[in-house]
Amino acid sequence: MKLGFIGFGRMGGNMVKRLLDRGHEIAVYARRPEVRAEAAGLGATPAASLADLVDHLASPRVVWMMIPAGDAVDATLKELTPLLARGDIIVDGGNSNYRDSIRRAESAKARTVHYIDAGTSGGIWGLQVGYCLMVGGVPEAVRVVEPAFRDLAPEGGYLHVGPSGAGHFVKMIHNGIEYGMLQSYAEGFAILHDGPYAFDLRAISALWNHGSVVRSWLLELAERAFTSDPDLRALRGYVEDSGEGRWTVQEAIDRSVPAPVITLSLLQRFRSRQEENFGDKVIAALRQQFGGHAVRKT
């Protein structure tokens, strides 16, 4: 199928590559000429403006946004939506707040345009192994984009989870769980690191991935991180939060759902910005490994 993409960064660029490799036709809008040239080099059609992007698409047009949550999305929609026609589809694959997605879907509906929220997980590894897609929106619009969803995802890695907002709600909770998992691994490795024995943390990461109940992809990434830097000396234990953890905790508070592990893992990230410890370095290393997130060097 033919899609337009807005956003050719760390995630968006790899998603475009994966779709092109699977035979889809992609037009990419980018303000900077060098980014348009990079997209063209991969086989995508470069677009110098949103109007140019829309002109490259056939009805029903599908425009996929991979841009930072918040004001940038609203600003893009303000310019993009008037260019679209009845039945066209906007996909928000970023980490927007689900309440914003519901609002945007209602606004798009008033213009007879569909709005799909597609929570996307996979980080920098998605190009190789596929992206987990949690999709919200009306069924008729989701069905149109489904060929792209299925080609972006590995087998079993795409699900239409409900109406508008549901995709980003599921992704929000997914990231809240991620916070807790990262914190648990971080604390365990910190105790090992500061313990009475000279443990090989890379070897223990590998060991636990063979038959242990705590085995996971994150442990594979821990092994990878410890292989290149056994004591994580090159990293500061400074851990950012990208918003979804805060939203998850707020949702838990609003609904009186006890979520102490996720809440404390969020608060621990705040603490990481004040002083250094090894556990924070583990989280920073794992976020860099799975998502290509920026780290602060020592």
C-alpha atoms as a PDB file:
ATOM      1  CA  MET A   1       0.000   0.000   0.000  1.00  0.00           C
ATOM      2  CA  LYS A   2       1.017   3.656  -0.281  1.00  0.00           C
ATOM      3  CA  LEU A   3       1.556   5.759   2.843  1.00  0.00           C
ATOM      4  CA  GLY A   4       2.838   9.183   3.739  1.00  0.00           C
ATOM      5  CA  PHE A   5       5.243   9.512   6.676  1.00  0.00           C
ATOM      6  CA  ILE A   6       5.870  12.583   8.798  1.00  0.00           C
ATOM      7  CA  GLY A   7       8.943  12.028  10.931  1.00  0.00           C
ATOM      8  CA  PHE A   8      12.131  10.334   9.800  1.00  0.00           C
ATOM      9  CA  GLY A   9      13.968  10.067  13.111  1.00  0.00           C
ATOM     10  CA  ARG A  10      15.238   7.114  15.111  1.00  0.00           C
ATOM     11  CA  MET A  11      11.922   5.245  15.037  1.00  0.00           C
ATOM     12  CA  GLY A  12      10.226   6.706  11.964  1.00  0.00           C
ATOM     13  CA  GLY A  13      13.225   6.193   9.716  1.00  0.00           C
ATOM     14  CA  ASN A  14      13.512   2.502  10.572  1.00  0.00           C
ATOM     15  CA  MET A  15       9.772   2.009  10.141  1.00  0.00           C
ATOM     16  CA  VAL A  16       9.981   3.513   6.662  1.00  0.00           C
ATOM     17  CA  LYS A  17      12.880   1.175   5.831  1.00  0.00           C
ATOM     18  CA  ARG A  18      10.947  -1.867   7.024  1.00  0.00           C
ATOM     19  CA  LEU A  19       7.869  -0.913   5.001  1.00  0.00           C
ATOM     20  CA  LEU A  20       9.921  -0.232   1.872  1.00  0.00           C
ATOM     21  CA  ASP A  21      11.632  -3.610   2.248  1.00  0.00           C
ATOM     22  CA  ARG A  22       8.205  -5.229   2.246  1.00  0.00           C
ATOM     23  CA  GLY A  23       7.034  -3.579  -0.943  1.00  0.00           C
ATOM     24  CA  HIS A  24       5.062  -0.579   0.331  1.00  0.00           C
ATOM     25  CA  GLU A  25       5.304   2.801  -1.391  1.00  0.00           C
ATOM     26  CA  ILE A  26       6.287   5.548   1.026  1.00  0.00           C
ATOM     27  CA  ALA A  27       6.335   9.322   0.656  1.00  0.00           C
ATOM     28  CA  VAL A  28       8.271  11.130   3.394  1.00  0.00           C
ATOM     29  CA  TYR A  29       7.842  14.745   4.456  1.00  0.00           C
ATOM     30  CA  ALA A  30      10.880  16.413   5.984  1.00  0.00           C
ATOM     31  CA  ARG A  31      11.777  20.080   6.284  1.00  0.00           C
ATOM     32  CA  ARG A  32      15.520  19.572   5.876  1.00  0.00           C
ATOM     33  CA  PRO A  33      16.793  18.791   2.368  1.00  0.00           C
ATOM     34  CA  GLU A  34      19.417  16.352   3.686  1.00  0.00           C
ATOM     35  CA  VAL A  35      16.716  14.270   5.391  1.00  0.00           C
ATOM     36  CA  ARG A  36      14.644  14.248   2.200  1.00  0.00           C
ATOM     37  CA  ALA A  37      17.742  13.112   0.313  1.00  0.00           C
ATOM     38  CA  GLU A  38      18.310  10.299   2.827  1.00  0.00           C
ATOM     39  CA  ALA A  39      14.714   9.120   2.427  1.00  0.00           C
ATOM     40  CA  ALA A  40      15.017   9.260  -1.354  1.00  0.00           C
ATOM     41  CA  GLY A  41      18.194   7.202  -1.159  1.00  0.00           C
ATOM     42  CA  LEU A  42      16.211   4.415   0.475  1.00  0.00           C
ATOM     43  CA  GLY A  43      13.577   4.460  -2.243  1.00  0.00           C
ATOM     44  CA  ALA A  44      10.987   6.724  -0.622  1.00  0.00           C
ATOM     45  CA  THR A  45       9.434   9.708  -2.393  1.00  0.00           C
ATOM     46  CA  PRO A  46      10.595  12.948  -0.732  1.00  0.00           C
ATOM     47  CA  ALA A  47       8.067  15.714  -0.036  1.00  0.00           C
ATOM     48  CA  ALA A  48       9.068  19.299   0.704  1.00  0.00           C
ATOM     49  CA  SER A  49       5.783  20.237   2.413  1.00  0.00           C
ATOM     50  CA  LEU A  50       2.699  18.637   3.895  1.00  0.00           C
ATOM     51  CA  ALA A  51       0.717  19.670   0.827  1.00  0.00           C
ATOM     52  CA  ASP A  52       3.344  18.026  -1.366  1.00  0.00           C
ATOM     53  CA  LEU A  53       3.110  14.870   0.766  1.00  0.00           C
ATOM     54  CA  VAL A  54      -0.668  14.706   0.432  1.00  0.00           C
ATOM     55  CA  ASP A  55      -0.409  15.223  -3.340  1.00  0.00           C
ATOM     56  CA  HIS A  56       1.735  12.080  -3.606  1.00  0.00           C
ATOM     57  CA  LEU A  57      -0.967   9.901  -2.031  1.00  0.00           C
ATOM     58  CA  ALA A  58      -4.093   8.287  -3.460  1.00  0.00           C
ATOM     59  CA  SER A  59      -7.507   8.205  -1.791  1.00  0.00           C
ATOM     60  CA  PRO A  60      -8.057   7.067   0.871  1.00  0.00           C
ATOM     61  CA  ARG A  61      -4.829   8.760   1.880  1.00  0.00           C
ATOM     62  CA  VAL A  62      -2.939   7.358   4.888  1.00  0.00           C
ATOM     63  CA  VAL A  63      -0.570   9.743   6.675  1.00  0.00           C
ATOM     64  CA  TRP A  64       1.500   8.294   9.521  1.00  0.00           C
ATOM     65  CA  MET A  65       3.025  10.653  12.105  1.00  0.00           C
ATOM     66  CA  MET A  66       6.113   9.685  14.105  1.00  0.00           C
ATOM     67  CA  ILE A  67       6.751  12.940  15.947  1.00  0.00           C
ATOM     68  CA  PRO A  68       7.129  13.912  19.632  1.00  0.00           C
ATOM     69  CA  ALA A  69       3.960  13.975  21.721  1.00  0.00           C
ATOM     70  CA  GLY A  70       2.300  17.236  22.663  1.00  0.00           C
ATOM     71  CA  ASP A  71       2.286  20.576  20.882  1.00  0.00           C
ATOM     72  CA  ALA A  72       4.191  19.276  17.849  1.00  0.00           C
ATOM     73  CA  VAL A  73       1.352  16.857  17.060  1.00  0.00           C
ATOM     74  CA  ASP A  74      -1.330  19.519  17.378  1.00  0.00           C
ATOM     75  CA  ALA A  75       0.658  21.943  15.227  1.00  0.00           C
ATOM     76  CA  THR A  76       1.106  19.303  12.532  1.00  0.00           C
ATOM     77  CA  LEU A  77      -2.578  18.384  12.604  1.00  0.00           C
ATOM     78  CA  LYS A  78      -3.605  22.038  12.319  1.00  0.00           C
ATOM     79  CA  GLU A  79      -1.752  22.241   9.013  1.00  0.00           C
ATOM     80  CA  LEU A  80      -2.374  18.688   7.779  1.00  0.00           C
ATOM     81  CA  THR A  81      -6.063  18.032   8.428  1.00  0.00           C
ATOM     82  CA  PRO A  82      -7.440  20.752   6.085  1.00  0.00           C
ATOM     83  CA  LEU A  83      -5.441  19.167   3.255  1.00  0.00           C
ATOM     84  CA  LEU A  84      -7.225  15.830   3.630  1.00  0.00           C
ATOM     85  CA  ALA A  85     -10.544  14.635   2.221  1.00  0.00           C
ATOM     86  CA  ARG A  86     -13.439  12.491   3.445  1.00  0.00           C
ATOM     87  CA  GLY A  87     -12.279   9.005   4.447  1.00  0.00           C
ATOM     88  CA  ASP A  88      -8.571   9.856   4.646  1.00  0.00           C
ATOM     89  CA  ILE A  89      -6.684   8.459   7.638  1.00  0.00           C
ATOM     90  CA  ILE A  90      -4.146   9.888  10.077  1.00  0.00           C
ATOM     91  CA  VAL A  91      -2.075   7.472  12.170  1.00  0.00           C
ATOM     92  CA  ASP A  92      -0.327   8.759  15.305  1.00  0.00           C
ATOM     93  CA  GLY A  93       2.455   6.292  16.066  1.00  0.00           C
ATOM     94  CA  GLY A  94       4.129   8.428  18.726  1.00  0.00           C
ATOM     95  CA  ASN A  95       3.672   8.283  22.491  1.00  0.00           C
ATOM     96  CA  SER A  96       0.728  10.668  22.768  1.00  0.00           C
ATOM     97  CA  ASN A  97      -1.431  10.811  25.865  1.00  0.00           C
ATOM     98  CA  TYR A  98      -4.552   8.749  25.183  1.00  0.00           C
ATOM     99  CA  ARG A  99      -6.818  11.629  26.233  1.00  0.00           C
ATOM    100  CA  ASP A 100      -5.212  13.793  23.537  1.00  0.00           C
ATOM    101  CA  SER A 101      -5.795  10.990  21.031  1.00  0.00           C
ATOM    102  CA  ILE A 102      -9.500  10.843  21.897  1.00  0.00           C
ATOM    103  CA  ARG A 103      -9.750  14.617  21.473  1.00  0.00           C
ATOM    104  CA  ARG A 104      -7.887  14.544  18.169  1.00  0.00           C
ATOM    105  CA  ALA A 105     -10.009  11.690  16.861  1.00  0.00           C
ATOM    106  CA  GLU A 106     -13.176  13.676  17.591  1.00  0.00           C
ATOM    107  CA  SER A 107     -11.746  16.737  15.860  1.00  0.00           C
ATOM    108  CA  ALA A 108     -10.743  14.689  12.816  1.00  0.00           C
ATOM    109  CA  LYS A 109     -14.179  13.048  12.720  1.00  0.00           C
ATOM    110  CA  ALA A 110     -15.786  16.483  12.481  1.00  0.00           C
ATOM    111  CA  ARG A 111     -13.802  16.909   9.248  1.00  0.00           C
ATOM    112  CA  THR A 112     -14.805  13.376   8.076  1.00  0.00           C
ATOM    113  CA  VAL A 113     -11.210  12.184   8.563  1.00  0.00           C
ATOM    114  CA  HIS A 114     -10.250   9.068  10.572  1.00  0.00           C
ATOM    115  CA  TYR A 115      -7.666   9.226  13.366  1.00  0.00           C
ATOM    116  CA  ILE A 116      -5.865   6.067  14.528  1.00  0.00           C
ATOM    117  CA  ASP A 117      -3.662   5.932  17.623  1.00  0.00           C
ATOM    118  CA  ALA A 118      -0.982   3.279  17.201  1.00  0.00           C
ATOM    119  CA  GLY A 119       1.113   2.675  20.299  1.00  0.00           C
ATOM    120  CA  THR A 120       4.472   1.485  18.990  1.00  0.00           C
ATOM    121  CA  SER A 121       7.145  -0.473  20.855  1.00  0.00           C
ATOM    122  CA  GLY A 122      10.366  -1.891  19.489  1.00  0.00           C
ATOM    123  CA  GLY A 123      12.901   0.893  19.688  1.00  0.00           C
ATOM    124  CA  ILE A 124      15.958   0.765  17.480  1.00  0.00           C
ATOM    125  CA  TRP A 125      15.552  -3.010  17.110  1.00  0.00           C
ATOM    126  CA  GLY A 126      12.195  -2.765  15.355  1.00  0.00           C
ATOM    127  CA  LEU A 127      13.728  -2.655  11.886  1.00  0.00           C
ATOM    128  CA  GLN A 128      15.236  -6.088  12.424  1.00  0.00           C
ATOM    129  CA  VAL A 129      12.727  -7.893  14.670  1.00  0.00           C
ATOM    130  CA  GLY A 130       9.530  -5.894  14.092  1.00  0.00           C
ATOM    131  CA  TYR A 131       7.406  -3.516  16.143  1.00  0.00           C
ATOM    132  CA  CYS A 132       4.720  -4.334  18.675  1.00  0.00           C
ATOM    133  CA  LEU A 133       1.675  -2.292  17.626  1.00  0.00           C
ATOM    134  CA  MET A 134      -1.242  -1.479  19.944  1.00  0.00           C
ATOM    135  CA  VAL A 135      -3.871   0.139  17.744  1.00  0.00           C
ATOM    136  CA  GLY A 136      -6.981   2.153  18.613  1.00  0.00           C
ATOM    137  CA  GLY A 137      -9.572   3.506  16.180  1.00  0.00           C
ATOM    138  CA  VAL A 138     -12.704   2.692  14.229  1.00  0.00           C
ATOM    139  CA  PRO A 139     -12.560  -0.775  12.595  1.00  0.00           C
ATOM    140  CA  GLU A 140     -13.126   0.428   9.019  1.00  0.00           C
ATOM    141  CA  ALA A 141     -10.098   2.749   9.172  1.00  0.00           C
ATOM    142  CA  VAL A 142      -7.907   0.183  10.936  1.00  0.00           C
ATOM    143  CA  ARG A 143      -8.671  -2.372   8.221  1.00  0.00           C
ATOM    144  CA  VAL A 144      -7.366   0.008   5.545  1.00  0.00           C
ATOM    145  CA  VAL A 145      -3.992   0.367   7.287  1.00  0.00           C
ATOM    146  CA  GLU A 146      -3.804  -3.260   8.426  1.00  0.00           C
ATOM    147  CA  PRO A 147      -1.398  -4.382   5.642  1.00  0.00           C
ATOM    148  CA  ALA A 148       1.166  -1.889   6.962  1.00  0.00           C
ATOM    149  CA  PHE A 149       0.515  -2.837  10.588  1.00  0.00           C
ATOM    150  CA  ARG A 150       1.079  -6.512   9.803  1.00  0.00           C
ATOM    151  CA  ASP A 151       4.290  -5.850   7.869  1.00  0.00           C
ATOM    152  CA  LEU A 152       5.699  -3.630  10.595  1.00  0.00           C
ATOM    153  CA  ALA A 153       4.968  -6.191  13.316  1.00  0.00           C
ATOM    154  CA  PRO A 154       6.395  -9.663  13.897  1.00  0.00           C
ATOM    155  CA  GLU A 155       3.962 -12.588  13.939  1.00  0.00           C
ATOM    156  CA  GLY A 156       1.429 -11.878  16.692  1.00  0.00           C
ATOM    157  CA  GLY A 157       2.814  -8.381  17.280  1.00  0.00           C
ATOM    158  CA  TYR A 158      -0.167  -6.328  16.093  1.00  0.00           C
ATOM    159  CA  LEU A 159      -3.569  -5.990  17.783  1.00  0.00           C
ATOM    160  CA  HIS A 160      -6.549  -3.685  17.317  1.00  0.00           C
ATOM    161  CA  VAL A 161      -7.194  -3.152  21.017  1.00  0.00           C
ATOM    162  CA  GLY A 162     -10.269  -0.900  20.899  1.00  0.00           C
ATOM    163  CA  PRO A 163     -11.714   2.511  19.923  1.00  0.00           C
ATOM    164  CA  SER A 164      -9.904   5.833  19.711  1.00  0.00           C
ATOM    165  CA  GLY A 165      -7.470   6.292  22.591  1.00  0.00           C
ATOM    166  CA  ALA A 166      -7.257   2.594  23.414  1.00  0.00           C
ATOM    167  CA  GLY A 167      -3.995   2.076  21.540  1.00  0.00           C
ATOM    168  CA  HIS A 168      -2.187   4.836  23.376  1.00  0.00           C
ATOM    169  CA  PHE A 169      -3.749   3.779  26.687  1.00  0.00           C
ATOM    170  CA  VAL A 170      -2.328   0.263  26.278  1.00  0.00           C
ATOM    171  CA  LYS A 171       1.061   1.712  25.256  1.00  0.00           C
ATOM    172  CA  MET A 172       1.026   3.976  28.319  1.00  0.00           C
ATOM    173  CA  ILE A 173       0.522   1.001  30.634  1.00  0.00           C
ATOM    174  CA  HIS A 174       3.111  -0.991  28.669  1.00  0.00           C
ATOM    175  CA  ASN A 175       5.683   1.711  29.386  1.00  0.00           C
ATOM    176  CA  GLY A 176       4.645   1.916  33.031  1.00  0.00           C
ATOM    177  CA  ILE A 177       5.326  -1.812  33.354  1.00  0.00           C
ATOM    178  CA  GLU A 178       8.649  -1.257  31.589  1.00  0.00           C
ATOM    179  CA  TYR A 179       9.612   1.257  34.283  1.00  0.00           C
ATOM    180  CA  GLY A 180       9.030  -1.352  37.002  1.00  0.00           C
ATOM    181  CA  MET A 181      10.924  -4.086  35.154  1.00  0.00           C
ATOM    182  CA  LEU A 182      13.927  -1.858  34.526  1.00  0.00           C
ATOM    183  CA  GLN A 183      14.011  -0.788  38.166  1.00  0.00           C
ATOM    184  CA  SER A 184      13.864  -4.380  39.408  1.00  0.00           C
ATOM    185  CA  TYR A 185      16.776  -5.469  37.222  1.00  0.00           C
ATOM    186  CA  ALA A 186      18.685  -2.325  38.187  1.00  0.00           C
ATOM    187  CA  GLU A 187      18.369  -2.971  41.911  1.00  0.00           C
ATOM    188  CA  GLY A 188      19.337  -6.629  41.566  1.00  0.00           C
ATOM    189  CA  PHE A 189      22.450  -5.902  39.532  1.00  0.00           C
ATOM    190  CA  ALA A 190      23.386  -3.059  41.888  1.00  0.00           C
ATOM    191  CA  ILE A 191      23.344  -5.469  44.851  1.00  0.00           C
ATOM    192  CA  LEU A 192      25.428  -7.974  42.883  1.00  0.00           C
ATOM    193  CA  HIS A 193      27.866  -5.257  41.838  1.00  0.00           C
ATOM    194  CA  ASP A 194      28.345  -4.013  45.419  1.00  0.00           C
ATOM    195  CA  GLY A 195      28.264  -7.488  46.989  1.00  0.00           C
ATOM    196  CA  PRO A 196      31.097  -9.480  48.629  1.00  0.00           C
ATOM    197  CA  TYR A 197      32.101 -11.296  45.408  1.00  0.00           C
ATOM    198  CA  ALA A 198      33.646 -10.190  42.117  1.00  0.00           C
ATOM    199  CA  PHE A 199      30.677 -11.240  39.983  1.00  0.00           C
ATOM    200  CA  ASP A 200      30.782 -11.280  36.203  1.00  0.00           C
ATOM    201  CA  LEU A 201      27.522  -9.453  35.516  1.00  0.00           C
ATOM    202  CA  ARG A 202      27.630 -10.297  31.817  1.00  0.00           C
ATOM    203  CA  ALA A 203      27.869 -13.993  32.611  1.00  0.00           C
ATOM    204  CA  ILE A 204      25.047 -13.794  35.173  1.00  0.00           C
ATOM    205  CA  SER A 205      22.829 -11.992  32.648  1.00  0.00           C
ATOM    206  CA  ALA A 206      23.481 -14.801  30.170  1.00  0.00           C
ATOM    207  CA  LEU A 207      22.936 -17.458  32.858  1.00  0.00           C
ATOM    208  CA  TRP A 208      19.551 -16.109  33.886  1.00  0.00           C
ATOM    209  CA  ASN A 209      18.352 -16.245  30.304  1.00  0.00           C
ATOM    210  CA  HIS A 210      18.697 -20.035  30.299  1.00  0.00           C
ATOM    211  CA  GLY A 211      15.797 -21.548  32.213  1.00  0.00           C
ATOM    212  CA  SER A 212      15.368 -18.815  34.835  1.00  0.00           C
ATOM    213  CA  VAL A 213      11.938 -17.369  35.585  1.00  0.00           C
ATOM    214  CA  VAL A 214      13.396 -13.839  35.174  1.00  0.00           C
ATOM    215  CA  ARG A 215      14.715 -14.435  31.654  1.00  0.00           C
ATOM    216  CA  SER A 216      13.814 -11.736  29.121  1.00  0.00           C
ATOM    217  CA  TRP A 217      14.962  -9.638  26.198  1.00  0.00           C
ATOM    218  CA  LEU A 218      16.001  -6.962  28.688  1.00  0.00           C
ATOM    219  CA  LEU A 219      18.448  -9.450  30.208  1.00  0.00           C
ATOM    220  CA  GLU A 220      19.852 -10.118  26.751  1.00  0.00           C
ATOM    221  CA  LEU A 221      20.407  -6.378  26.438  1.00  0.00           C
ATOM    222  CA  ALA A 222      21.981  -6.294  29.904  1.00  0.00           C
ATOM    223  CA  GLU A 223      24.438  -8.981  28.757  1.00  0.00           C
ATOM    224  CA  ARG A 224      25.202  -6.850  25.703  1.00  0.00           C
ATOM    225  CA  ALA A 225      25.756  -3.721  27.808  1.00  0.00           C
ATOM    226  CA  PHE A 226      27.995  -5.493  30.337  1.00  0.00           C
ATOM    227  CA  THR A 227      30.029  -7.051  27.513  1.00  0.00           C
ATOM    228  CA  SER A 228      31.085  -3.661  26.201  1.00  0.00           C
ATOM    229  CA  ASP A 229      31.459  -1.971  29.617  1.00  0.00           C
ATOM    230  CA  PRO A 230      31.439  -4.398  32.607  1.00  0.00           C
ATOM    231  CA  ASP A 231      31.178  -1.663  35.250  1.00  0.00           C
ATOM    232  CA  LEU A 232      29.277   0.830  33.065  1.00  0.00           C
ATOM    233  CA  ARG A 233      32.023   3.346  33.776  1.00  0.00           C
ATOM    234  CA  ALA A 234      31.262   5.313  30.617  1.00  0.00           C
ATOM    235  CA  LEU A 235      27.691   6.107  31.693  1.00  0.00           C
ATOM    236  CA  ARG A 236      26.189   8.462  34.201  1.00  0.00           C
ATOM    237  CA  GLY A 237      23.311   7.002  36.171  1.00  0.00           C
ATOM    238  CA  TYR A 238      20.995   9.748  34.918  1.00  0.00           C
ATOM    239  CA  VAL A 239      17.640   8.351  33.807  1.00  0.00           C
ATOM    240  CA  GLU A 240      15.072  10.403  31.884  1.00  0.00           C
ATOM    241  CA  ASP A 241      11.359   9.705  31.820  1.00  0.00           C
ATOM    242  CA  SER A 242       9.495  10.261  28.573  1.00  0.00           C
ATOM    243  CA  GLY A 243       6.025  10.896  30.004  1.00  0.00           C
ATOM    244  CA  GLU A 244       4.213   7.568  29.861  1.00  0.00           C
ATOM    245  CA  GLY A 245       5.336   6.544  33.352  1.00  0.00           C
ATOM    246  CA  ARG A 246       3.924   9.759  34.818  1.00  0.00           C
ATOM    247  CA  TRP A 247       0.668   9.244  32.922  1.00  0.00           C
ATOM    248  CA  THR A 248       0.411   5.658  34.155  1.00  0.00           C
ATOM    249  CA  VAL A 249       0.908   6.694  37.769  1.00  0.00           C
ATOM    250  CA  GLN A 250      -1.634   9.507  37.414  1.00  0.00           C
ATOM    251  CA  GLU A 251      -4.139   7.086  35.883  1.00  0.00           C
ATOM    252  CA  ALA A 252      -3.600   4.702  38.800  1.00  0.00           C
ATOM    253  CA  ILE A 253      -4.222   7.550  41.251  1.00  0.00           C
ATOM    254  CA  ASP A 254      -7.322   8.741  39.384  1.00  0.00           C
ATOM    255  CA  ARG A 255      -8.797   5.215  39.393  1.00  0.00           C
ATOM    256  CA  SER A 256      -7.608   4.290  42.923  1.00  0.00           C
ATOM    257  CA  VAL A 257      -5.584   1.383  41.585  1.00  0.00           C
ATOM    258  CA  PRO A 258      -2.580   0.581  43.796  1.00  0.00           C
ATOM    259  CA  ALA A 259       0.588   0.612  41.680  1.00  0.00           C
ATOM    260  CA  PRO A 260       3.471   0.986  44.148  1.00  0.00           C
ATOM    261  CA  VAL A 261       6.184  -0.613  42.016  1.00  0.00           C
ATOM    262  CA  ILE A 262       5.539   1.556  38.954  1.00  0.00           C
ATOM    263  CA  THR A 263       5.135   4.666  41.127  1.00  0.00           C
ATOM    264  CA  LEU A 264       8.380   4.109  42.998  1.00  0.00           C
ATOM    265  CA  SER A 265      10.241   3.304  39.777  1.00  0.00           C
ATOM    266  CA  LEU A 266       9.155   6.699  38.435  1.00  0.00           C
ATOM    267  CA  LEU A 267      10.255   8.454  41.623  1.00  0.00           C
ATOM    268  CA  GLN A 268      13.571   6.613  41.460  1.00  0.00           C
ATOM    269  CA  ARG A 269      14.184   8.185  38.056  1.00  0.00           C
ATOM    270  CA  PHE A 270      13.765  11.605  39.652  1.00  0.00           C
ATOM    271  CA  ARG A 271      16.293  10.596  42.320  1.00  0.00           C
ATOM    272  CA  SER A 272      18.752   9.430  39.654  1.00  0.00           C
ATOM    273  CA  ARG A 273      19.203  13.016  38.537  1.00  0.00           C
ATOM    274  CA  GLN A 274      20.531  14.071  41.933  1.00  0.00           C
ATOM    275  CA  GLU A 275      23.277  11.544  42.685  1.00  0.00           C
ATOM    276  CA  GLU A 276      24.956   8.528  41.171  1.00  0.00           C
ATOM    277  CA  ASN A 277      24.524   4.795  41.774  1.00  0.00           C
ATOM    278  CA  PHE A 278      25.148   1.645  39.759  1.00  0.00           C
ATOM    279  CA  GLY A 279      21.468   0.695  39.448  1.00  0.00           C
ATOM    280  CA  ASP A 280      20.732   3.921  37.609  1.00  0.00           C
ATOM    281  CA  LYS A 281      23.577   3.133  35.220  1.00  0.00           C
ATOM    282  CA  VAL A 282      21.927  -0.234  34.465  1.00  0.00           C
ATOM    283  CA  ILE A 283      18.646   1.458  33.519  1.00  0.00           C
ATOM    284  CA  ALA A 284      20.463   4.058  31.393  1.00  0.00           C
ATOM    285  CA  ALA A 285      22.394   1.276  29.630  1.00  0.00           C
ATOM    286  CA  LEU A 286      19.270  -0.803  28.953  1.00  0.00           C
ATOM    287  CA  ARG A 287      17.307   2.178  27.604  1.00  0.00           C
ATOM    288  CA  GLN A 288      20.210   2.930  25.267  1.00  0.00           C
ATOM    289  CA  GLN A 289      20.315  -0.721  24.165  1.00  0.00           C
ATOM    290  CA  PHE A 290      16.609  -1.216  23.376  1.00  0.00           C
ATOM    291  CA  GLY A 291      15.579   2.255  22.309  1.00  0.00           C
ATOM    292  CA  GLY A 292      18.723   4.089  21.293  1.00  0.00           C
ATOM    293  CA  HIS A 293      17.915   6.654  23.970  1.00  0.00           C
ATOM    294  CA  ALA A 294      20.545   9.269  24.694  1.00  0.00           C
ATOM    295  CA  VAL A 295      22.810   8.682  27.676  1.00  0.00           C
ATOM    296  CA  ARG A 296      25.022  11.026  29.661  1.00  0.00           C
ATOM    297  CA  LYS A 297      28.694  10.075  29.640  1.00  0.00           C
ATOM    298  CA  THR A 298      30.991  10.292  32.607  1.00  0.00           C
END
